[in-house]
Amino acid sequence: MSQIFRPSANTLSKLSLFGVLSAVAGLILVAMALGRSSYVTRANEFVEQPIQFSHLHHVKDDGIDCRYCHTSVESSTFAGIPPTKTCMNCHSQLFNTAPILEPVRASFRNDTPIRWVRVHDLPDFVYFNHSIHVKKGVGCETCHGRVDEMPLMRQQNTLQMQWCLDCHRAPEQFVRPRSEITTMGYQPAVAQAVLGPQLVKEYDIRTSTNCSTCHR
């Protein structure tokens, strides 16, 4: 009986199998890269707001502390979006006729809140507590970036689980003294490799990667 397949068929079948497996692996890698890209995470994407509030102006130029507006960040799970009255503490006197601030004045006159759009919006299945991170020495800019350099607010980091775990697994690389929590451009007085472990011990920080820590 004559031979049905040529000897080269073995080589072709191996190459075909290798090609299929390579294509599948390539698609998986592309999907992983896409999932971490700014297209999906929306990192570094400016968010349109009812009023284009400039952190650069208020934080860097005017020197306003984060906690003046985000009043509950040290005591609550959420940092808090400031009510219009907080804005009017200054703007009843400063730029009190500027057209760009008319929505603020209208909000105050009509007692209706400004519909700010949340920039750092975690999924509903993620539990995050601002106060515990502040108490453990995690600075504002560690998560939110250099807001003092943002004329328009944007999400600095991916907010994906891997990003959170990087800190949870090695907090000594990121923590700072509590007195420096709101300091932008913070630089430790001594090397972080020395200071970090000291603060981890002082603040009783324990590495926690248990699922129930964040998913409740």
N, C-alpha and C. Protein backbone atom coordinates (compact mmCIF):
# COMPACT_ATOMS: atom_id res chain seq x y z
N MET A 1 0.85 -1.20 0.00
CA MET A 1 0.00 0.00 0.00
C MET A 1 0.88 1.24 0.00
N SER A 2 0.56 2.18 -0.89
CA SER A 2 1.40 3.36 -0.99
C SER A 2 1.26 4.25 0.24
N GLN A 3 2.28 5.01 0.54
CA GLN A 3 2.29 5.89 1.71
C GLN A 3 1.37 7.10 1.45
N ILE A 4 0.47 7.38 2.42
CA ILE A 4 -0.49 8.48 2.25
C ILE A 4 0.16 9.83 2.49
N PHE A 5 0.91 9.96 3.56
CA PHE A 5 1.54 11.22 3.91
C PHE A 5 3.03 11.17 3.62
N ARG A 6 3.54 12.27 3.14
CA ARG A 6 4.98 12.39 2.92
C ARG A 6 5.69 12.54 4.27
N PRO A 7 6.96 12.23 4.34
CA PRO A 7 7.72 12.41 5.60
C PRO A 7 7.68 13.84 6.12
N SER A 8 7.55 14.79 5.19
CA SER A 8 7.53 16.20 5.62
C SER A 8 6.27 16.54 6.40
N ALA A 9 5.24 15.69 6.35
CA ALA A 9 4.00 15.95 7.06
C ALA A 9 4.21 16.00 8.56
N ASN A 10 5.14 15.21 9.05
CA ASN A 10 5.44 15.23 10.49
C ASN A 10 5.96 16.60 10.91
N THR A 11 6.86 17.14 10.08
CA THR A 11 7.42 18.45 10.39
C THR A 11 6.34 19.53 10.32
N LEU A 12 5.48 19.44 9.28
CA LEU A 12 4.41 20.42 9.13
C LEU A 12 3.42 20.38 10.29
N SER A 13 3.11 19.16 10.74
CA SER A 13 2.17 19.05 11.86
C SER A 13 2.76 19.65 13.13
N LYS A 14 4.04 19.43 13.36
CA LYS A 14 4.69 20.01 14.54
C LYS A 14 4.72 21.53 14.46
N LEU A 15 5.02 22.04 13.25
CA LEU A 15 5.05 23.49 13.07
C LEU A 15 3.66 24.10 13.25
N SER A 16 2.64 23.39 12.74
CA SER A 16 1.27 23.87 12.88
C SER A 16 0.86 23.92 14.34
N LEU A 17 1.19 22.86 15.08
CA LEU A 17 0.87 22.82 16.50
C LEU A 17 1.58 23.94 17.26
N PHE A 18 2.84 24.13 16.94
CA PHE A 18 3.62 25.19 17.57
C PHE A 18 3.03 26.56 17.24
N GLY A 19 2.59 26.73 15.98
CA GLY A 19 2.00 28.00 15.57
C GLY A 19 0.71 28.30 16.31
N VAL A 20 -0.14 27.25 16.47
CA VAL A 20 -1.40 27.44 17.18
C VAL A 20 -1.16 27.81 18.64
N LEU A 21 -0.26 27.07 19.28
CA LEU A 21 0.05 27.36 20.68
C LEU A 21 0.65 28.75 20.85
N SER A 22 1.51 29.13 19.90
CA SER A 22 2.11 30.47 19.96
C SER A 22 1.06 31.55 19.79
N ALA A 23 0.11 31.31 18.89
CA ALA A 23 -0.96 32.29 18.66
C ALA A 23 -1.82 32.45 19.91
N VAL A 24 -2.15 31.32 20.57
CA VAL A 24 -2.95 31.37 21.78
C VAL A 24 -2.21 32.11 22.89
N ALA A 25 -0.92 31.78 23.04
CA ALA A 25 -0.11 32.46 24.06
C ALA A 25 -0.02 33.95 23.77
N GLY A 26 0.13 34.29 22.47
CA GLY A 26 0.21 35.69 22.08
C GLY A 26 -1.06 36.45 22.40
N LEU A 27 -2.20 35.81 22.13
CA LEU A 27 -3.49 36.44 22.43
C LEU A 27 -3.66 36.66 23.93
N ILE A 28 -3.21 35.69 24.73
CA ILE A 28 -3.29 35.84 26.19
C ILE A 28 -2.44 37.01 26.66
N LEU A 29 -1.22 37.12 26.10
CA LEU A 29 -0.32 38.22 26.48
C LEU A 29 -0.90 39.56 26.06
N VAL A 30 -1.50 39.61 24.87
CA VAL A 30 -2.12 40.86 24.40
C VAL A 30 -3.28 41.24 25.31
N ALA A 31 -4.10 40.25 25.70
CA ALA A 31 -5.23 40.52 26.59
C ALA A 31 -4.76 41.04 27.95
N MET A 32 -3.66 40.44 28.46
CA MET A 32 -3.11 40.89 29.74
C MET A 32 -2.59 42.32 29.64
N ALA A 33 -1.88 42.60 28.54
CA ALA A 33 -1.33 43.95 28.34
C ALA A 33 -2.45 44.98 28.19
N LEU A 34 -3.50 44.59 27.47
CA LEU A 34 -4.63 45.50 27.28
C LEU A 34 -5.33 45.77 28.61
N GLY A 35 -5.46 44.73 29.44
CA GLY A 35 -6.11 44.89 30.74
C GLY A 35 -5.37 45.82 31.67
N ARG A 36 -4.06 45.96 31.47
CA ARG A 36 -3.25 46.84 32.30
C ARG A 36 -3.02 48.20 31.66
N SER A 37 -3.51 48.38 30.46
CA SER A 37 -3.27 49.62 29.72
C SER A 37 -4.19 50.73 30.22
N SER A 38 -3.81 51.96 29.92
CA SER A 38 -4.62 53.10 30.34
C SER A 38 -5.97 53.12 29.62
N TYR A 39 -6.05 52.42 28.48
CA TYR A 39 -7.33 52.35 27.75
C TYR A 39 -8.40 51.69 28.62
N VAL A 40 -7.98 50.68 29.39
CA VAL A 40 -8.92 49.96 30.25
C VAL A 40 -8.97 50.59 31.64
N THR A 41 -7.82 50.89 32.22
CA THR A 41 -7.78 51.41 33.60
C THR A 41 -8.14 52.89 33.68
N ARG A 42 -8.02 53.59 32.55
CA ARG A 42 -8.30 55.03 32.49
C ARG A 42 -7.30 55.85 33.29
N ALA A 43 -6.14 55.25 33.55
CA ALA A 43 -5.08 55.98 34.25
C ALA A 43 -4.58 57.12 33.36
N ASN A 44 -4.27 58.24 34.00
CA ASN A 44 -3.74 59.43 33.32
C ASN A 44 -4.74 60.06 32.35
N GLU A 45 -6.01 59.78 32.55
CA GLU A 45 -7.05 60.36 31.72
C GLU A 45 -7.76 61.45 32.51
N PHE A 46 -7.76 62.67 31.98
CA PHE A 46 -8.42 63.77 32.66
C PHE A 46 -9.93 63.56 32.62
N VAL A 47 -10.58 63.89 33.73
CA VAL A 47 -12.02 63.68 33.86
C VAL A 47 -12.75 65.02 33.79
N GLU A 48 -13.73 65.08 32.91
CA GLU A 48 -14.51 66.30 32.76
C GLU A 48 -15.38 66.50 34.01
N GLN A 49 -15.32 67.70 34.57
CA GLN A 49 -16.06 68.02 35.78
C GLN A 49 -17.03 69.18 35.51
N PRO A 50 -18.04 69.35 36.36
CA PRO A 50 -18.95 70.50 36.19
C PRO A 50 -18.21 71.83 36.24
N ILE A 51 -17.17 71.87 37.08
CA ILE A 51 -16.28 73.03 37.18
C ILE A 51 -14.87 72.48 37.16
N GLN A 52 -14.03 73.03 36.32
CA GLN A 52 -12.68 72.47 36.18
C GLN A 52 -11.78 72.98 37.32
N PHE A 53 -11.94 72.32 38.45
CA PHE A 53 -11.18 72.65 39.66
C PHE A 53 -9.70 72.31 39.47
N SER A 54 -8.83 73.24 39.79
CA SER A 54 -7.39 73.04 39.63
C SER A 54 -6.73 72.76 40.98
N HIS A 55 -6.26 71.53 41.17
CA HIS A 55 -5.49 71.21 42.37
C HIS A 55 -4.15 71.95 42.35
N LEU A 56 -3.58 72.11 41.17
CA LEU A 56 -2.30 72.82 41.06
C LEU A 56 -2.43 74.21 41.68
N HIS A 57 -3.48 74.92 41.34
CA HIS A 57 -3.66 76.28 41.86
C HIS A 57 -3.94 76.27 43.36
N HIS A 58 -4.85 75.41 43.81
CA HIS A 58 -5.26 75.44 45.21
C HIS A 58 -4.21 74.84 46.15
N VAL A 59 -3.54 73.78 45.69
CA VAL A 59 -2.56 73.11 46.57
C VAL A 59 -1.19 73.76 46.46
N LYS A 60 -0.70 73.92 45.24
CA LYS A 60 0.66 74.44 45.06
C LYS A 60 0.72 75.95 45.22
N ASP A 61 -0.16 76.66 44.50
CA ASP A 61 -0.10 78.12 44.53
C ASP A 61 -0.62 78.69 45.85
N ASP A 62 -1.74 78.15 46.33
CA ASP A 62 -2.35 78.70 47.54
C ASP A 62 -1.96 77.97 48.82
N GLY A 63 -1.35 76.80 48.68
CA GLY A 63 -0.87 76.08 49.87
C GLY A 63 -1.96 75.49 50.73
N ILE A 64 -3.11 75.16 50.15
CA ILE A 64 -4.22 74.59 50.93
C ILE A 64 -3.96 73.12 51.20
N ASP A 65 -4.05 72.74 52.45
CA ASP A 65 -3.84 71.36 52.87
C ASP A 65 -4.98 70.47 52.38
N CYS A 66 -4.66 69.23 52.00
CA CYS A 66 -5.66 68.29 51.50
C CYS A 66 -6.85 68.17 52.45
N ARG A 67 -6.57 68.19 53.75
CA ARG A 67 -7.60 67.95 54.75
C ARG A 67 -8.57 69.11 54.93
N TYR A 68 -8.24 70.27 54.37
CA TYR A 68 -9.18 71.39 54.46
C TYR A 68 -10.45 71.09 53.66
N CYS A 69 -10.27 70.45 52.52
CA CYS A 69 -11.42 70.07 51.69
C CYS A 69 -11.89 68.65 51.96
N HIS A 70 -10.94 67.75 52.09
CA HIS A 70 -11.28 66.34 52.31
C HIS A 70 -11.23 66.07 53.82
N THR A 71 -12.27 66.53 54.49
CA THR A 71 -12.25 66.62 55.95
C THR A 71 -12.31 65.29 56.68
N SER A 72 -12.84 64.26 56.04
CA SER A 72 -13.05 62.99 56.75
C SER A 72 -11.96 61.96 56.48
N VAL A 73 -10.91 62.35 55.78
CA VAL A 73 -9.91 61.38 55.34
C VAL A 73 -9.19 60.69 56.50
N GLU A 74 -9.09 61.37 57.65
CA GLU A 74 -8.38 60.80 58.79
C GLU A 74 -9.27 59.98 59.71
N SER A 75 -10.58 60.06 59.50
CA SER A 75 -11.48 59.40 60.44
C SER A 75 -12.54 58.52 59.81
N SER A 76 -12.54 58.44 58.49
CA SER A 76 -13.61 57.71 57.82
C SER A 76 -13.07 56.85 56.68
N THR A 77 -13.94 56.00 56.17
CA THR A 77 -13.54 55.15 55.04
C THR A 77 -13.35 55.99 53.77
N PHE A 78 -14.03 57.13 53.70
CA PHE A 78 -13.94 57.96 52.49
C PHE A 78 -13.33 59.31 52.83
N ALA A 79 -12.70 59.91 51.83
CA ALA A 79 -12.02 61.19 52.06
C ALA A 79 -13.00 62.34 52.13
N GLY A 80 -14.13 62.21 51.44
CA GLY A 80 -15.14 63.26 51.46
C GLY A 80 -14.95 64.28 50.35
N ILE A 81 -16.04 64.59 49.66
CA ILE A 81 -16.03 65.65 48.66
C ILE A 81 -16.56 66.91 49.33
N PRO A 82 -15.85 68.00 49.26
CA PRO A 82 -16.24 69.19 50.03
C PRO A 82 -17.58 69.76 49.58
N PRO A 83 -18.40 70.20 50.53
CA PRO A 83 -19.65 70.88 50.18
C PRO A 83 -19.35 72.25 49.61
N THR A 84 -20.32 72.82 48.95
CA THR A 84 -20.12 74.14 48.33
C THR A 84 -19.74 75.20 49.35
N LYS A 85 -20.22 75.05 50.57
CA LYS A 85 -19.88 76.02 51.61
C LYS A 85 -18.37 76.14 51.81
N THR A 86 -17.67 75.01 51.67
CA THR A 86 -16.21 75.04 51.81
C THR A 86 -15.60 75.92 50.74
N CYS A 87 -16.11 75.81 49.53
CA CYS A 87 -15.61 76.66 48.43
C CYS A 87 -15.89 78.13 48.73
N MET A 88 -17.09 78.38 49.24
CA MET A 88 -17.51 79.77 49.48
C MET A 88 -16.81 80.40 50.67
N ASN A 89 -16.17 79.61 51.51
CA ASN A 89 -15.37 80.20 52.59
C ASN A 89 -14.36 81.18 52.03
N CYS A 90 -13.82 80.85 50.86
CA CYS A 90 -12.86 81.75 50.20
C CYS A 90 -13.53 82.58 49.11
N HIS A 91 -14.36 81.91 48.30
CA HIS A 91 -14.85 82.56 47.09
C HIS A 91 -16.03 83.49 47.31
N SER A 92 -16.46 83.66 48.55
CA SER A 92 -17.40 84.74 48.83
C SER A 92 -16.67 86.08 48.79
N GLN A 93 -15.33 86.02 48.90
CA GLN A 93 -14.51 87.22 48.87
C GLN A 93 -13.58 87.25 47.65
N LEU A 94 -13.01 86.07 47.32
CA LEU A 94 -12.05 85.99 46.21
C LEU A 94 -12.74 85.55 44.92
N PHE A 95 -12.51 86.33 43.85
CA PHE A 95 -13.09 86.01 42.54
C PHE A 95 -14.61 85.81 42.65
N ASN A 96 -15.23 86.61 43.49
CA ASN A 96 -16.65 86.41 43.78
C ASN A 96 -17.59 86.86 42.67
N THR A 97 -17.03 87.38 41.58
CA THR A 97 -17.85 87.71 40.41
C THR A 97 -17.35 87.01 39.15
N ALA A 98 -16.36 86.16 39.30
CA ALA A 98 -15.80 85.48 38.13
C ALA A 98 -16.85 84.60 37.48
N PRO A 99 -17.07 84.70 36.16
CA PRO A 99 -18.09 83.89 35.47
C PRO A 99 -17.87 82.39 35.63
N ILE A 100 -16.61 81.97 35.65
CA ILE A 100 -16.33 80.54 35.73
C ILE A 100 -16.83 79.93 37.05
N LEU A 101 -16.99 80.77 38.07
CA LEU A 101 -17.43 80.30 39.38
C LEU A 101 -18.93 80.48 39.62
N GLU A 102 -19.65 80.89 38.61
CA GLU A 102 -21.09 81.07 38.78
C GLU A 102 -21.80 79.77 39.20
N PRO A 103 -21.40 78.59 38.65
CA PRO A 103 -22.03 77.34 39.14
C PRO A 103 -21.83 77.12 40.63
N VAL A 104 -20.70 77.58 41.17
CA VAL A 104 -20.46 77.44 42.61
C VAL A 104 -21.41 78.36 43.38
N ARG A 105 -21.53 79.60 42.91
CA ARG A 105 -22.41 80.55 43.59
C ARG A 105 -23.88 80.10 43.48
N ALA A 106 -24.25 79.57 42.32
CA ALA A 106 -25.63 79.08 42.13
C ALA A 106 -25.91 77.90 43.05
N SER A 107 -24.93 77.02 43.19
CA SER A 107 -25.08 75.87 44.08
C SER A 107 -25.31 76.33 45.52
N PHE A 108 -24.57 77.36 45.92
CA PHE A 108 -24.70 77.87 47.29
C PHE A 108 -26.04 78.60 47.48
N ARG A 109 -26.44 79.38 46.49
CA ARG A 109 -27.70 80.12 46.60
C ARG A 109 -28.90 79.18 46.66
N ASN A 110 -28.85 78.15 45.82
CA ASN A 110 -29.99 77.24 45.68
C ASN A 110 -29.93 76.04 46.62
N ASP A 111 -28.83 75.95 47.37
CA ASP A 111 -28.64 74.82 48.28
C ASP A 111 -28.75 73.48 47.54
N THR A 112 -28.08 73.42 46.39
CA THR A 112 -28.04 72.18 45.60
C THR A 112 -26.58 71.79 45.40
N PRO A 113 -26.25 70.53 45.61
CA PRO A 113 -24.85 70.12 45.50
C PRO A 113 -24.32 70.16 44.07
N ILE A 114 -23.04 70.39 43.94
CA ILE A 114 -22.37 70.29 42.65
C ILE A 114 -22.15 68.81 42.34
N ARG A 115 -22.47 68.39 41.15
CA ARG A 115 -22.37 66.97 40.78
C ARG A 115 -20.95 66.65 40.29
N TRP A 116 -20.03 66.56 41.24
CA TRP A 116 -18.66 66.21 40.88
C TRP A 116 -18.61 64.76 40.38
N VAL A 117 -17.70 64.50 39.47
CA VAL A 117 -17.51 63.16 38.93
C VAL A 117 -16.34 62.51 39.66
N ARG A 118 -16.58 61.34 40.24
CA ARG A 118 -15.52 60.67 41.00
C ARG A 118 -14.40 60.24 40.06
N VAL A 119 -13.17 60.59 40.41
CA VAL A 119 -12.01 60.24 39.59
C VAL A 119 -11.46 58.87 39.97
N HIS A 120 -11.26 58.66 41.26
CA HIS A 120 -10.75 57.37 41.75
C HIS A 120 -11.95 56.53 42.21
N ASP A 121 -12.49 55.81 41.27
CA ASP A 121 -13.75 55.08 41.51
C ASP A 121 -13.49 53.57 41.55
N LEU A 122 -13.41 53.03 42.75
CA LEU A 122 -13.16 51.60 42.91
C LEU A 122 -14.45 50.81 42.67
N PRO A 123 -14.31 49.56 42.22
CA PRO A 123 -15.51 48.72 42.04
C PRO A 123 -16.24 48.52 43.36
N ASP A 124 -17.52 48.21 43.28
CA ASP A 124 -18.34 48.03 44.48
C ASP A 124 -17.87 46.85 45.33
N PHE A 125 -17.18 45.89 44.71
CA PHE A 125 -16.75 44.72 45.48
C PHE A 125 -15.42 44.95 46.20
N VAL A 126 -14.90 46.16 46.14
CA VAL A 126 -13.62 46.47 46.80
C VAL A 126 -13.89 47.36 48.01
N TYR A 127 -13.37 46.97 49.15
CA TYR A 127 -13.48 47.78 50.37
C TYR A 127 -12.18 48.52 50.58
N PHE A 128 -12.26 49.82 50.70
CA PHE A 128 -11.06 50.64 50.94
C PHE A 128 -11.36 51.64 52.04
N ASN A 129 -10.48 51.72 53.01
CA ASN A 129 -10.66 52.62 54.14
C ASN A 129 -9.54 53.66 54.14
N HIS A 130 -9.89 54.91 53.90
CA HIS A 130 -8.88 55.97 53.87
C HIS A 130 -8.19 56.14 55.22
N SER A 131 -8.97 56.13 56.29
CA SER A 131 -8.42 56.46 57.59
C SER A 131 -7.32 55.50 58.03
N ILE A 132 -7.49 54.21 57.78
CA ILE A 132 -6.47 53.26 58.22
C ILE A 132 -5.17 53.45 57.44
N HIS A 133 -5.29 53.80 56.16
CA HIS A 133 -4.08 54.03 55.36
C HIS A 133 -3.34 55.28 55.83
N VAL A 134 -4.10 56.32 56.17
CA VAL A 134 -3.49 57.54 56.69
C VAL A 134 -2.79 57.26 58.02
N LYS A 135 -3.45 56.51 58.89
CA LYS A 135 -2.87 56.21 60.20
C LYS A 135 -1.62 55.35 60.09
N LYS A 136 -1.53 54.56 59.04
CA LYS A 136 -0.36 53.70 58.86
C LYS A 136 0.75 54.37 58.05
N GLY A 137 0.55 55.64 57.68
CA GLY A 137 1.62 56.39 57.04
C GLY A 137 1.67 56.32 55.53
N VAL A 138 0.53 56.09 54.90
CA VAL A 138 0.47 56.11 53.44
C VAL A 138 0.09 57.52 53.00
N GLY A 139 0.97 58.18 52.28
CA GLY A 139 0.74 59.56 51.88
C GLY A 139 -0.29 59.71 50.77
N CYS A 140 -0.88 60.89 50.70
CA CYS A 140 -1.89 61.15 49.66
C CYS A 140 -1.30 60.92 48.26
N GLU A 141 -0.09 61.43 48.04
CA GLU A 141 0.47 61.32 46.69
C GLU A 141 0.87 59.90 46.33
N THR A 142 1.00 59.01 47.31
CA THR A 142 1.34 57.62 47.01
C THR A 142 0.27 57.00 46.13
N CYS A 143 -0.98 57.33 46.40
CA CYS A 143 -2.09 56.79 45.59
C CYS A 143 -2.58 57.78 44.54
N HIS A 144 -2.66 59.05 44.91
CA HIS A 144 -3.28 60.03 44.03
C HIS A 144 -2.29 60.77 43.15
N GLY A 145 -1.00 60.56 43.37
CA GLY A 145 -0.01 61.26 42.56
C GLY A 145 0.18 62.70 43.01
N ARG A 146 0.99 63.41 42.24
CA ARG A 146 1.30 64.81 42.56
C ARG A 146 0.14 65.70 42.15
N VAL A 147 -0.88 65.74 42.99
CA VAL A 147 -2.05 66.55 42.67
C VAL A 147 -1.70 68.04 42.58
N ASP A 148 -0.61 68.42 43.24
CA ASP A 148 -0.19 69.82 43.19
C ASP A 148 0.37 70.20 41.82
N GLU A 149 0.49 69.23 40.93
CA GLU A 149 0.96 69.49 39.57
C GLU A 149 -0.13 69.19 38.54
N MET A 150 -1.36 69.04 39.01
CA MET A 150 -2.47 68.69 38.11
C MET A 150 -3.44 69.86 37.97
N PRO A 151 -3.39 70.57 36.85
CA PRO A 151 -4.38 71.62 36.62
C PRO A 151 -5.78 71.04 36.47
N LEU A 152 -5.85 69.81 35.98
CA LEU A 152 -7.10 69.04 35.93
C LEU A 152 -6.83 67.70 36.59
N MET A 153 -7.78 67.22 37.37
CA MET A 153 -7.57 66.00 38.13
C MET A 153 -7.61 64.77 37.24
N ARG A 154 -6.69 63.86 37.50
CA ARG A 154 -6.65 62.60 36.76
C ARG A 154 -6.27 61.47 37.70
N GLN A 155 -6.57 60.26 37.28
CA GLN A 155 -6.21 59.07 38.04
C GLN A 155 -4.75 58.73 37.72
N GLN A 156 -3.90 58.79 38.73
CA GLN A 156 -2.47 58.59 38.52
C GLN A 156 -2.11 57.13 38.29
N ASN A 157 -2.74 56.23 39.03
CA ASN A 157 -2.37 54.82 39.01
C ASN A 157 -3.51 53.95 38.46
N THR A 158 -3.21 52.68 38.24
CA THR A 158 -4.18 51.79 37.61
C THR A 158 -5.34 51.45 38.53
N LEU A 159 -5.12 51.45 39.85
CA LEU A 159 -6.10 51.01 40.86
C LEU A 159 -6.42 49.53 40.74
N GLN A 160 -5.61 48.79 39.99
CA GLN A 160 -5.82 47.36 39.89
C GLN A 160 -5.25 46.64 41.12
N MET A 161 -5.68 45.41 41.32
CA MET A 161 -5.31 44.67 42.52
C MET A 161 -3.78 44.51 42.64
N GLN A 162 -3.10 44.27 41.52
CA GLN A 162 -1.65 44.10 41.57
C GLN A 162 -0.97 45.34 42.14
N TRP A 163 -1.50 46.50 41.77
CA TRP A 163 -0.93 47.75 42.27
C TRP A 163 -1.11 47.85 43.79
N CYS A 164 -2.27 47.46 44.28
CA CYS A 164 -2.51 47.46 45.74
C CYS A 164 -1.60 46.47 46.44
N LEU A 165 -1.45 45.30 45.85
CA LEU A 165 -0.66 44.24 46.47
C LEU A 165 0.82 44.62 46.57
N ASP A 166 1.32 45.41 45.63
CA ASP A 166 2.72 45.83 45.69
C ASP A 166 3.02 46.52 47.02
N CYS A 167 2.07 47.31 47.50
CA CYS A 167 2.24 48.01 48.77
C CYS A 167 1.94 47.10 49.95
N HIS A 168 0.91 46.30 49.82
CA HIS A 168 0.53 45.41 50.92
C HIS A 168 1.62 44.38 51.22
N ARG A 169 2.36 43.99 50.19
CA ARG A 169 3.42 43.00 50.38
C ARG A 169 4.72 43.62 50.89
N ALA A 170 4.94 44.88 50.57
CA ALA A 170 6.18 45.53 50.99
C ALA A 170 5.90 46.97 51.43
N PRO A 171 5.15 47.15 52.52
CA PRO A 171 4.77 48.51 52.95
C PRO A 171 5.97 49.38 53.32
N GLU A 172 7.07 48.76 53.70
CA GLU A 172 8.25 49.54 54.10
C GLU A 172 8.79 50.40 52.95
N GLN A 173 8.44 50.05 51.73
CA GLN A 173 8.92 50.82 50.59
C GLN A 173 8.10 52.09 50.35
N PHE A 174 6.94 52.19 50.99
CA PHE A 174 6.02 53.28 50.65
C PHE A 174 5.64 54.18 51.82
N VAL A 175 5.72 53.69 53.06
CA VAL A 175 5.20 54.49 54.18
C VAL A 175 6.09 55.67 54.50
N ARG A 176 5.50 56.64 55.15
CA ARG A 176 6.21 57.86 55.54
C ARG A 176 5.71 58.30 56.92
N PRO A 177 6.36 59.23 57.58
CA PRO A 177 5.86 59.71 58.87
C PRO A 177 4.46 60.31 58.71
N ARG A 178 3.62 60.14 59.72
CA ARG A 178 2.26 60.67 59.64
C ARG A 178 2.23 62.18 59.44
N SER A 179 3.25 62.85 59.95
CA SER A 179 3.31 64.31 59.80
C SER A 179 3.52 64.75 58.36
N GLU A 180 3.91 63.80 57.51
CA GLU A 180 4.21 64.13 56.11
C GLU A 180 3.16 63.56 55.15
N ILE A 181 2.02 63.13 55.69
CA ILE A 181 1.00 62.48 54.87
C ILE A 181 0.58 63.34 53.68
N THR A 182 0.34 64.62 53.90
CA THR A 182 -0.16 65.49 52.82
C THR A 182 0.94 66.23 52.07
N THR A 183 2.20 65.97 52.42
CA THR A 183 3.32 66.65 51.77
C THR A 183 3.48 66.15 50.34
N MET A 184 3.47 67.06 49.39
CA MET A 184 3.69 66.71 48.00
C MET A 184 5.19 66.76 47.68
N GLY A 185 5.66 65.79 46.93
CA GLY A 185 7.08 65.74 46.61
C GLY A 185 7.92 65.35 47.81
N TYR A 186 7.34 64.58 48.70
CA TYR A 186 8.02 64.18 49.93
C TYR A 186 9.31 63.42 49.65
N GLN A 187 10.37 63.78 50.36
CA GLN A 187 11.65 63.08 50.31
C GLN A 187 12.07 62.76 51.74
N PRO A 188 12.29 61.47 52.06
CA PRO A 188 12.66 61.12 53.44
C PRO A 188 14.00 61.71 53.85
N ALA A 189 14.11 62.08 55.13
CA ALA A 189 15.36 62.66 55.64
C ALA A 189 16.48 61.63 55.62
N VAL A 190 16.13 60.37 55.80
CA VAL A 190 17.11 59.28 55.69
C VAL A 190 16.60 58.33 54.62
N ALA A 191 17.43 57.39 54.23
CA ALA A 191 17.06 56.47 53.16
C ALA A 191 15.78 55.70 53.53
N GLN A 192 14.92 55.52 52.54
CA GLN A 192 13.67 54.81 52.77
C GLN A 192 13.94 53.39 53.25
N ALA A 193 15.05 52.81 52.81
CA ALA A 193 15.40 51.46 53.24
C ALA A 193 15.65 51.39 54.74
N VAL A 194 16.01 52.53 55.34
CA VAL A 194 16.23 52.60 56.79
C VAL A 194 14.96 53.04 57.49
N LEU A 195 14.33 54.10 56.97
CA LEU A 195 13.14 54.66 57.61
C LEU A 195 11.94 53.73 57.52
N GLY A 196 11.74 53.11 56.36
CA GLY A 196 10.57 52.28 56.14
C GLY A 196 10.37 51.19 57.18
N PRO A 197 11.36 50.34 57.41
CA PRO A 197 11.20 49.29 58.43
C PRO A 197 10.95 49.85 59.83
N GLN A 198 11.52 51.02 60.14
CA GLN A 198 11.29 51.64 61.44
C GLN A 198 9.82 52.03 61.60
N LEU A 199 9.26 52.61 60.55
CA LEU A 199 7.86 53.05 60.61
C LEU A 199 6.91 51.85 60.62
N VAL A 200 7.27 50.81 59.89
CA VAL A 200 6.44 49.60 59.89
C VAL A 200 6.32 49.05 61.31
N LYS A 201 7.42 49.07 62.03
CA LYS A 201 7.41 48.59 63.42
C LYS A 201 6.68 49.57 64.33
N GLU A 202 6.95 50.86 64.17
CA GLU A 202 6.35 51.87 65.03
C GLU A 202 4.84 51.94 64.86
N TYR A 203 4.36 51.83 63.60
CA TYR A 203 2.93 51.94 63.32
C TYR A 203 2.23 50.58 63.33
N ASP A 204 2.97 49.56 63.70
CA ASP A 204 2.41 48.20 63.78
C ASP A 204 1.72 47.80 62.46
N ILE A 205 2.46 47.97 61.36
CA ILE A 205 1.94 47.63 60.05
C ILE A 205 2.21 46.16 59.77
N ARG A 206 1.19 45.45 59.40
CA ARG A 206 1.32 44.03 59.10
C ARG A 206 0.95 43.77 57.65
N THR A 207 1.80 43.07 56.95
CA THR A 207 1.50 42.75 55.55
C THR A 207 0.23 41.91 55.51
N SER A 208 -0.69 42.33 54.68
CA SER A 208 -1.97 41.65 54.61
C SER A 208 -2.38 41.46 53.16
N THR A 209 -2.39 40.21 52.71
CA THR A 209 -2.82 39.90 51.35
C THR A 209 -3.99 38.94 51.37
N ASN A 210 -4.63 38.83 52.52
CA ASN A 210 -5.82 37.97 52.60
C ASN A 210 -6.95 38.58 51.81
N CYS A 211 -7.66 37.78 51.03
CA CYS A 211 -8.72 38.29 50.16
C CYS A 211 -9.77 39.09 50.93
N SER A 212 -10.10 38.63 52.14
CA SER A 212 -11.17 39.27 52.91
C SER A 212 -10.78 40.67 53.42
N THR A 213 -9.51 41.02 53.32
CA THR A 213 -9.08 42.35 53.74
C THR A 213 -9.74 43.42 52.88
N CYS A 214 -9.83 43.17 51.60
CA CYS A 214 -10.38 44.17 50.68
C CYS A 214 -11.69 43.74 50.04
N HIS A 215 -11.96 42.45 50.03
CA HIS A 215 -13.20 41.95 49.41
C HIS A 215 -14.09 41.38 50.50
N ARG A 216 -15.14 42.14 50.83
CA ARG A 216 -15.99 41.78 51.97
C ARG A 216 -17.44 41.58 51.53
